[in-house]
N, C-alpha and C. Protein backbone atom coordinates (compact mmCIF):
# COMPACT_ATOMS: atom_id res chain seq x y z
N UNK A 1 0.86 -1.17 0.00
CA UNK A 1 0.00 0.00 0.00
C UNK A 1 0.90 1.23 0.00
N UNK A 2 0.70 2.06 -1.00
CA UNK A 2 1.53 3.24 -1.16
C UNK A 2 0.88 4.46 -0.49
N UNK A 3 1.64 5.53 -0.31
CA UNK A 3 1.03 6.76 0.19
C UNK A 3 -0.14 7.22 -0.69
N UNK A 4 -0.01 7.04 -2.00
CA UNK A 4 -1.09 7.43 -2.92
C UNK A 4 -2.36 6.61 -2.67
N UNK A 5 -2.21 5.30 -2.36
CA UNK A 5 -3.37 4.47 -2.03
C UNK A 5 -4.12 5.04 -0.82
N UNK A 6 -3.36 5.39 0.20
CA UNK A 6 -3.98 5.86 1.44
C UNK A 6 -4.72 7.17 1.19
N UNK A 7 -4.08 8.09 0.49
CA UNK A 7 -4.72 9.38 0.20
C UNK A 7 -5.96 9.20 -0.67
N UNK A 8 -5.88 8.34 -1.67
CA UNK A 8 -7.02 8.10 -2.56
C UNK A 8 -8.16 7.42 -1.79
N UNK A 9 -7.82 6.49 -0.91
CA UNK A 9 -8.85 5.82 -0.11
C UNK A 9 -9.56 6.82 0.80
N UNK A 10 -8.80 7.70 1.43
CA UNK A 10 -9.42 8.73 2.27
C UNK A 10 -10.34 9.61 1.45
N UNK A 11 -9.91 9.97 0.25
CA UNK A 11 -10.72 10.83 -0.62
C UNK A 11 -12.03 10.14 -1.00
N UNK A 12 -11.97 8.87 -1.37
CA UNK A 12 -13.19 8.13 -1.73
C UNK A 12 -14.16 8.04 -0.56
N UNK A 13 -13.62 7.92 0.63
CA UNK A 13 -14.46 7.79 1.83
C UNK A 13 -14.83 9.15 2.44
N UNK A 14 -14.23 10.20 1.90
CA UNK A 14 -14.44 11.55 2.42
C UNK A 14 -13.99 11.64 3.89
N UNK A 15 -12.85 11.04 4.19
CA UNK A 15 -12.27 11.04 5.53
C UNK A 15 -11.07 11.97 5.55
N UNK A 16 -10.89 12.66 6.66
CA UNK A 16 -9.65 13.39 6.87
C UNK A 16 -8.68 12.47 7.62
N UNK A 17 -7.48 12.95 7.88
CA UNK A 17 -6.49 12.11 8.56
C UNK A 17 -6.92 11.74 9.97
N UNK A 18 -7.60 12.64 10.64
CA UNK A 18 -8.06 12.36 12.02
C UNK A 18 -9.08 11.22 12.01
N UNK A 19 -10.01 11.25 11.06
CA UNK A 19 -11.01 10.18 10.98
C UNK A 19 -10.34 8.85 10.70
N UNK A 20 -9.39 8.82 9.77
CA UNK A 20 -8.69 7.58 9.48
C UNK A 20 -7.94 7.08 10.72
N UNK A 21 -7.31 7.97 11.44
CA UNK A 21 -6.60 7.58 12.67
C UNK A 21 -7.57 6.94 13.66
N UNK A 22 -8.72 7.55 13.84
CA UNK A 22 -9.72 7.02 14.77
C UNK A 22 -10.25 5.66 14.31
N UNK A 23 -10.58 5.55 13.04
CA UNK A 23 -11.16 4.31 12.50
C UNK A 23 -10.18 3.16 12.44
N UNK A 24 -8.89 3.48 12.35
CA UNK A 24 -7.86 2.43 12.25
C UNK A 24 -7.15 2.15 13.56
N UNK A 25 -7.47 2.93 14.59
CA UNK A 25 -6.81 2.79 15.89
C UNK A 25 -5.30 3.03 15.77
N UNK A 26 -4.95 4.03 14.96
CA UNK A 26 -3.56 4.45 14.80
C UNK A 26 -3.45 5.91 15.20
N UNK A 27 -2.25 6.36 15.47
CA UNK A 27 -2.06 7.76 15.83
C UNK A 27 -2.09 8.62 14.56
N UNK A 28 -2.40 9.88 14.74
CA UNK A 28 -2.39 10.81 13.61
C UNK A 28 -0.98 10.92 13.03
N UNK A 29 0.03 10.82 13.88
CA UNK A 29 1.41 10.84 13.41
C UNK A 29 1.74 9.67 12.50
N UNK A 30 1.20 8.50 12.84
CA UNK A 30 1.42 7.32 12.00
C UNK A 30 0.74 7.49 10.65
N UNK A 31 -0.45 8.07 10.64
CA UNK A 31 -1.16 8.32 9.38
C UNK A 31 -0.37 9.30 8.52
N UNK A 32 0.08 10.37 9.12
CA UNK A 32 0.86 11.37 8.37
C UNK A 32 2.13 10.75 7.77
N UNK A 33 2.82 9.98 8.59
CA UNK A 33 4.05 9.33 8.13
C UNK A 33 3.76 8.36 7.00
N UNK A 34 2.70 7.58 7.13
CA UNK A 34 2.34 6.61 6.08
C UNK A 34 2.01 7.32 4.78
N UNK A 35 1.39 8.49 4.86
CA UNK A 35 1.05 9.24 3.65
C UNK A 35 2.25 9.96 3.04
N UNK A 36 3.29 10.13 3.81
CA UNK A 36 4.50 10.80 3.31
C UNK A 36 5.54 9.80 2.82
N UNK A 37 5.74 8.73 3.62
CA UNK A 37 6.87 7.83 3.35
C UNK A 37 6.47 6.39 3.09
N UNK A 38 5.23 6.05 3.30
CA UNK A 38 4.79 4.67 3.15
C UNK A 38 4.62 4.01 4.51
N UNK A 39 4.19 2.78 4.49
CA UNK A 39 3.89 2.05 5.72
C UNK A 39 5.11 1.24 6.14
N UNK A 40 5.48 1.39 7.40
CA UNK A 40 6.69 0.74 7.90
C UNK A 40 6.42 -0.66 8.44
N UNK A 41 5.22 -0.93 8.97
CA UNK A 41 5.01 -2.22 9.62
C UNK A 41 3.79 -2.95 9.09
N UNK A 42 3.84 -4.26 9.22
CA UNK A 42 2.71 -5.10 8.81
C UNK A 42 1.48 -4.82 9.67
N UNK A 43 1.69 -4.49 10.93
CA UNK A 43 0.58 -4.20 11.84
C UNK A 43 -0.15 -2.93 11.40
N UNK A 44 0.58 -1.91 11.01
CA UNK A 44 -0.04 -0.67 10.52
C UNK A 44 -0.82 -0.95 9.25
N UNK A 45 -0.23 -1.70 8.33
CA UNK A 45 -0.91 -2.05 7.08
C UNK A 45 -2.21 -2.79 7.38
N UNK A 46 -2.17 -3.75 8.29
CA UNK A 46 -3.37 -4.53 8.62
C UNK A 46 -4.46 -3.64 9.21
N UNK A 47 -4.09 -2.72 10.06
CA UNK A 47 -5.09 -1.83 10.67
C UNK A 47 -5.73 -0.92 9.63
N UNK A 48 -4.93 -0.42 8.70
CA UNK A 48 -5.48 0.43 7.64
C UNK A 48 -6.40 -0.37 6.73
N UNK A 49 -5.96 -1.55 6.32
CA UNK A 49 -6.79 -2.38 5.46
C UNK A 49 -8.11 -2.74 6.12
N UNK A 50 -8.07 -3.05 7.41
CA UNK A 50 -9.29 -3.39 8.16
C UNK A 50 -10.24 -2.18 8.21
N UNK A 51 -9.71 -1.00 8.48
CA UNK A 51 -10.55 0.20 8.54
C UNK A 51 -11.19 0.49 7.19
N UNK A 52 -10.40 0.40 6.12
CA UNK A 52 -10.94 0.65 4.79
C UNK A 52 -11.98 -0.40 4.41
N UNK A 53 -11.70 -1.64 4.72
CA UNK A 53 -12.64 -2.72 4.40
C UNK A 53 -13.96 -2.54 5.14
N UNK A 54 -13.90 -2.21 6.41
CA UNK A 54 -15.12 -1.99 7.20
C UNK A 54 -15.96 -0.84 6.64
N UNK A 55 -15.30 0.11 6.01
CA UNK A 55 -15.99 1.26 5.41
C UNK A 55 -16.53 0.95 4.02
N UNK A 56 -16.24 -0.25 3.51
CA UNK A 56 -16.76 -0.65 2.22
C UNK A 56 -15.83 -0.40 1.05
N UNK A 57 -14.56 -0.22 1.33
CA UNK A 57 -13.59 0.06 0.28
C UNK A 57 -12.78 -1.19 -0.03
N UNK A 58 -12.61 -1.47 -1.31
CA UNK A 58 -11.78 -2.59 -1.74
C UNK A 58 -10.52 -2.02 -2.39
N UNK A 59 -9.36 -2.50 -1.97
CA UNK A 59 -8.09 -2.10 -2.56
C UNK A 59 -7.58 -3.25 -3.41
N UNK A 60 -7.13 -2.92 -4.61
CA UNK A 60 -6.58 -3.91 -5.52
C UNK A 60 -5.14 -3.53 -5.80
N UNK A 61 -4.26 -4.46 -5.56
CA UNK A 61 -2.86 -4.18 -5.80
C UNK A 61 -2.47 -4.53 -7.23
N UNK A 62 -3.35 -5.29 -7.90
CA UNK A 62 -3.20 -5.54 -9.32
C UNK A 62 -4.60 -5.76 -9.87
N UNK A 63 -5.09 -4.81 -10.61
CA UNK A 63 -6.42 -4.91 -11.17
C UNK A 63 -6.35 -5.52 -12.58
N UNK A 64 -7.46 -5.50 -13.30
CA UNK A 64 -7.52 -6.11 -14.63
C UNK A 64 -6.52 -5.49 -15.60
N UNK A 65 -6.18 -4.23 -15.39
CA UNK A 65 -5.22 -3.56 -16.26
C UNK A 65 -3.78 -3.74 -15.79
N UNK A 66 -3.59 -4.48 -14.71
CA UNK A 66 -2.25 -4.75 -14.23
C UNK A 66 -1.72 -3.76 -13.22
N UNK A 67 -2.55 -2.80 -12.79
CA UNK A 67 -2.09 -1.81 -11.83
C UNK A 67 -2.95 -1.77 -10.59
N UNK A 68 -2.56 -0.97 -9.62
CA UNK A 68 -3.32 -0.86 -8.38
C UNK A 68 -4.59 -0.06 -8.59
N UNK A 69 -5.56 -0.28 -7.70
CA UNK A 69 -6.80 0.48 -7.79
C UNK A 69 -7.62 0.40 -6.51
N UNK A 70 -8.65 1.22 -6.46
CA UNK A 70 -9.57 1.28 -5.32
C UNK A 70 -10.99 1.32 -5.87
N UNK A 71 -11.92 0.80 -5.11
CA UNK A 71 -13.32 1.00 -5.45
C UNK A 71 -14.17 0.76 -4.21
N UNK A 72 -15.32 1.43 -4.20
CA UNK A 72 -16.28 1.21 -3.14
C UNK A 72 -17.11 0.00 -3.51
N UNK A 73 -17.24 -0.93 -2.59
CA UNK A 73 -18.06 -2.12 -2.83
C UNK A 73 -19.53 -1.75 -2.72
N UNK A 74 -20.36 -2.52 -3.38
CA UNK A 74 -21.79 -2.35 -3.19
C UNK A 74 -22.13 -2.79 -1.78
N UNK A 75 -22.77 -1.91 -1.07
CA UNK A 75 -23.11 -2.21 0.32
C UNK A 75 -24.51 -2.77 0.38
N UNK A 76 -24.64 -3.94 0.98
CA UNK A 76 -25.95 -4.53 1.21
C UNK A 76 -26.50 -3.99 2.52
N UNK A 77 -27.79 -3.73 2.56
CA UNK A 77 -28.35 -3.27 3.83
C UNK A 77 -28.15 -4.33 4.91
N UNK A 78 -27.83 -3.88 6.08
CA UNK A 78 -27.64 -4.82 7.19
C UNK A 78 -28.98 -5.35 7.65
N UNK A 79 -28.98 -6.62 8.00
CA UNK A 79 -30.20 -7.22 8.54
C UNK A 79 -30.36 -6.78 9.99
N UNK A 80 -31.57 -6.54 10.33
CA UNK A 80 -31.86 -6.17 11.71
C UNK A 80 -31.88 -7.41 12.58
N UNK A 81 -31.26 -7.32 13.69
CA UNK A 81 -31.28 -8.44 14.64
C UNK A 81 -32.49 -8.28 15.55
N UNK A 82 -33.09 -9.39 15.83
CA UNK A 82 -34.29 -9.37 16.69
C UNK A 82 -33.94 -9.73 18.09
């Protein structure tokens, strides 16, 4: 996941860095660093991927054209629990 992936994902979700930090359980400093220099640890990558996935975003590191991409998944309405 590149800095461009993170910035593009935030843009698609309409999140600022603070929101991403809160949703991923990472510090704002870690988010800023990841957007400037890339992700240093597997744990940070996993937390970001989990936050994006929960928000309905799919990241592709190789799409049909051979390059990386992002897209919002179709969200199904949640079933109500009784």
